[in-house]
Protein backbone atom coordinates (compact mmCIF):
# COMPACT_ATOMS: atom_id res chain seq x y z
CA UNK A 1 131.28 85.01 78.17
CA UNK A 2 131.20 82.48 80.69
CA UNK A 3 131.97 84.93 83.32
CA UNK A 4 129.17 86.61 83.11
CA UNK A 5 126.84 83.38 82.53
CA UNK A 6 128.47 82.16 85.84
CA UNK A 7 127.43 85.57 87.00
CA UNK A 8 124.09 85.55 85.74
CA UNK A 9 122.99 82.13 86.86
CA UNK A 10 124.63 82.89 90.66
CA UNK A 11 122.46 86.26 90.87
CA UNK A 12 119.34 84.46 89.35
CA UNK A 13 120.28 81.64 92.17
CA UNK A 14 119.88 82.75 95.07
CA UNK A 15 116.41 83.67 95.93
CA UNK A 16 116.47 86.98 97.60
CA UNK A 17 113.54 88.55 99.95
CA UNK A 18 112.53 91.99 100.10
CA UNK A 19 112.46 92.96 103.01
CA UNK A 20 110.15 95.90 103.93
CA UNK A 21 110.43 97.08 108.23
CA UNK A 22 107.55 99.02 108.69
CA UNK A 23 109.07 100.26 111.51
CA UNK A 24 112.31 101.20 110.15
CA UNK A 25 110.40 102.74 106.96
CA UNK A 26 112.33 100.94 104.76
CA UNK A 27 112.21 98.42 102.01
CA UNK A 28 116.07 96.66 100.61
CA UNK A 29 116.68 92.93 99.02
CA UNK A 30 118.92 90.29 101.79
CA UNK A 31 119.64 87.08 100.47
CA UNK A 32 117.71 86.02 103.76
CA UNK A 33 115.46 87.13 106.93
CA UNK A 34 117.55 90.05 108.85
CA UNK A 35 118.68 88.82 112.45
CA UNK A 36 116.94 92.29 114.59
CA UNK A 37 118.88 93.56 117.58
CA UNK A 38 118.12 96.89 119.19
CA UNK A 39 119.48 99.10 121.95
CA UNK A 40 118.74 102.35 123.81
CA UNK A 41 121.69 105.01 124.34
CA UNK A 42 121.07 108.16 126.75
CA UNK A 43 123.19 110.89 125.47
CA UNK A 44 123.95 114.73 126.34
CA UNK A 45 121.44 115.04 123.02
CA UNK A 46 118.40 112.38 124.68
CA UNK A 47 117.48 109.30 124.13
CA UNK A 48 118.91 107.16 120.88
CA UNK A 49 117.56 104.62 119.09
CA UNK A 50 119.48 101.63 117.48
CA UNK A 51 118.24 98.66 115.10
CA UNK A 52 120.47 96.65 113.12
CA UNK A 53 119.12 94.18 110.61
CA UNK A 54 121.72 91.50 109.97
CA UNK A 55 121.73 89.24 107.09
CA UNK A 56 124.24 86.59 105.28
CA UNK A 57 125.59 84.58 107.87
CA UNK A 58 123.92 81.85 106.62
CA UNK A 59 125.18 81.46 103.47
CA UNK A 60 127.47 78.75 103.33
CA UNK A 61 129.24 79.77 99.96
CA UNK A 62 128.98 83.61 100.72
CA UNK A 63 131.07 85.57 103.07
CA UNK A 64 129.51 88.57 102.51
CA UNK A 65 127.58 90.01 105.34
CA UNK A 66 124.73 92.73 104.90
CA UNK A 67 123.42 95.07 107.86
CA UNK A 68 121.28 98.04 107.99
CA UNK A 69 121.73 100.18 111.33
CA UNK A 70 118.86 102.57 111.76
CA UNK A 71 119.71 105.44 114.34
CA UNK A 72 117.01 107.23 115.41
CA UNK A 73 118.12 110.46 117.08
CA UNK A 74 115.19 112.47 119.54
CA UNK A 75 113.03 114.21 117.10
CA UNK A 76 114.42 117.23 117.66
CA UNK A 77 117.54 116.72 117.15
CA UNK A 78 117.43 116.94 112.39
CA UNK A 79 120.65 116.20 110.86
CA UNK A 80 120.46 117.62 107.84
CA UNK A 81 119.23 121.01 108.86
CA UNK A 82 122.82 121.93 108.52
CA UNK A 83 125.56 120.58 106.63
CA UNK A 84 128.46 120.83 109.40
CA UNK A 85 125.79 118.14 111.67
CA UNK A 86 126.32 115.54 109.10
CA UNK A 87 129.73 116.41 107.97
CA UNK A 88 131.04 115.61 111.44
CA UNK A 89 129.20 112.58 112.37
CA UNK A 90 130.59 111.17 109.01
CA UNK A 91 134.04 111.80 110.16
CA UNK A 92 133.09 110.59 113.70
CA UNK A 93 132.02 107.35 111.98
CA UNK A 94 134.39 107.13 109.54
CA UNK A 95 137.35 107.68 111.91
CA UNK A 96 135.56 104.57 114.33
CA UNK A 97 135.19 102.14 111.14
CA UNK A 98 139.06 102.85 110.45
CA UNK A 99 140.19 102.39 114.42
CA UNK A 100 137.81 99.17 114.53
CA UNK A 101 139.14 97.68 111.40
CA UNK A 102 141.98 95.51 111.67
CA UNK A 103 145.13 97.17 109.27
CA UNK A 104 141.98 99.65 107.08
CA UNK A 105 142.44 101.99 104.65
CA UNK A 106 139.38 104.11 103.08
CA UNK A 107 139.99 103.78 99.20
CA UNK A 108 136.86 105.61 98.59
CA UNK A 109 134.64 108.86 100.26
CA UNK A 110 131.92 109.88 97.78
CA UNK A 111 128.88 112.08 98.03
CA UNK A 112 125.81 110.90 96.21
CA UNK A 113 122.16 111.23 96.05
CA UNK A 114 120.32 107.47 97.45
CA UNK A 115 116.49 108.40 97.38
CA UNK A 116 116.83 111.62 96.70
CA UNK A 117 118.71 112.17 99.88
CA UNK A 118 122.47 113.52 99.95
CA UNK A 119 124.62 110.38 101.44
CA UNK A 120 127.62 109.57 102.05
CA UNK A 121 129.66 106.61 100.26
CA UNK A 122 132.43 104.49 101.72
CA UNK A 123 135.31 101.62 101.04
CA UNK A 124 137.44 100.22 103.79
CA UNK A 125 139.85 97.84 102.61
CA UNK A 126 140.94 96.16 105.84
CA UNK A 127 142.89 92.97 107.59
CA UNK A 128 144.49 92.18 103.74
CA UNK A 129 141.50 91.18 101.03
CA UNK A 130 138.41 92.51 103.39
CA UNK A 131 136.06 94.89 102.61
CA UNK A 132 133.56 97.28 104.02
CA UNK A 133 131.31 99.18 101.75
CA UNK A 134 129.19 101.45 103.38
CA UNK A 135 126.04 104.25 102.81
CA UNK A 136 125.22 106.68 105.05
CA UNK A 137 121.92 108.04 104.70
CA UNK A 138 120.23 110.79 106.71
CA UNK A 139 117.14 111.54 106.80
CA UNK A 140 115.30 113.81 108.96
CA UNK A 141 116.39 112.39 112.48
CA UNK A 142 117.02 109.21 110.99
CA UNK A 143 120.50 107.99 109.93
CA UNK A 144 120.24 104.21 107.77
CA UNK A 145 124.29 102.84 107.92
CA UNK A 146 123.85 100.33 104.85
CA UNK A 147 127.02 97.84 105.43
CA UNK A 148 128.38 95.24 103.47
CA UNK A 149 131.20 92.88 104.53
CA UNK A 150 133.13 91.32 101.84
CA UNK A 151 136.35 90.39 100.24
CA UNK A 152 137.61 93.04 97.98
CA UNK A 153 136.68 90.77 94.95
CA UNK A 154 133.60 90.36 96.45
CA UNK A 155 132.37 93.87 96.43
CA UNK A 156 131.55 94.28 92.88
CA UNK A 157 129.21 91.41 92.68
CA UNK A 158 125.50 91.59 91.23
CA UNK A 159 125.01 90.64 95.15
CA UNK A 160 126.31 94.18 96.09
CA UNK A 161 124.40 95.93 93.72
CA UNK A 162 121.39 94.17 94.71
CA UNK A 163 121.40 95.53 98.22
CA UNK A 164 122.66 98.96 97.79
CA UNK A 165 120.01 99.28 94.62
CA UNK A 166 117.32 98.02 96.42
CA UNK A 167 117.21 100.18 99.17
CA UNK A 168 114.01 102.77 99.75
CA UNK A 169 113.06 104.96 102.45
CA UNK A 170 109.41 104.49 102.85
CA UNK A 171 108.49 107.78 104.69
CA UNK A 172 105.49 109.41 104.18
CA UNK A 173 105.88 112.89 103.24
CA UNK A 174 103.19 115.37 103.97
């Protein structure tokens, strides 16, 4: 019971913000205003734009780092047009993460619906007791990657749920 009450108090005590990105067409709860960076890459398929939103680095009591990467592919490169395209992108991202993280192991990979979009959830354990939980969400020519870098114990916290469950796409449909 004490653990439950402690969790509720900690959950309430953190003043999270509801961050909306008009340019990125999404909204999500974050522990603080995110730092935003961007880059452009010229590729075989055309110009790819990548926007990164990161939060959590200023919180002293937490080792959690929350990141949203928004990748915009050329307009005619629709990610959801063929299953094989997204399967290839998922596998490429997974291979990249596993090769970049020290002593990494995939613990979980599952297809799920997020905002009505077929998505993929990944959980990777690395560097002893560290974890990376990632949600990969494709929408038309956009790919959203929600990432929580945390400890294995913290990955199941209310903060993790708040981050992943609050993510909403804000595209206007015709």
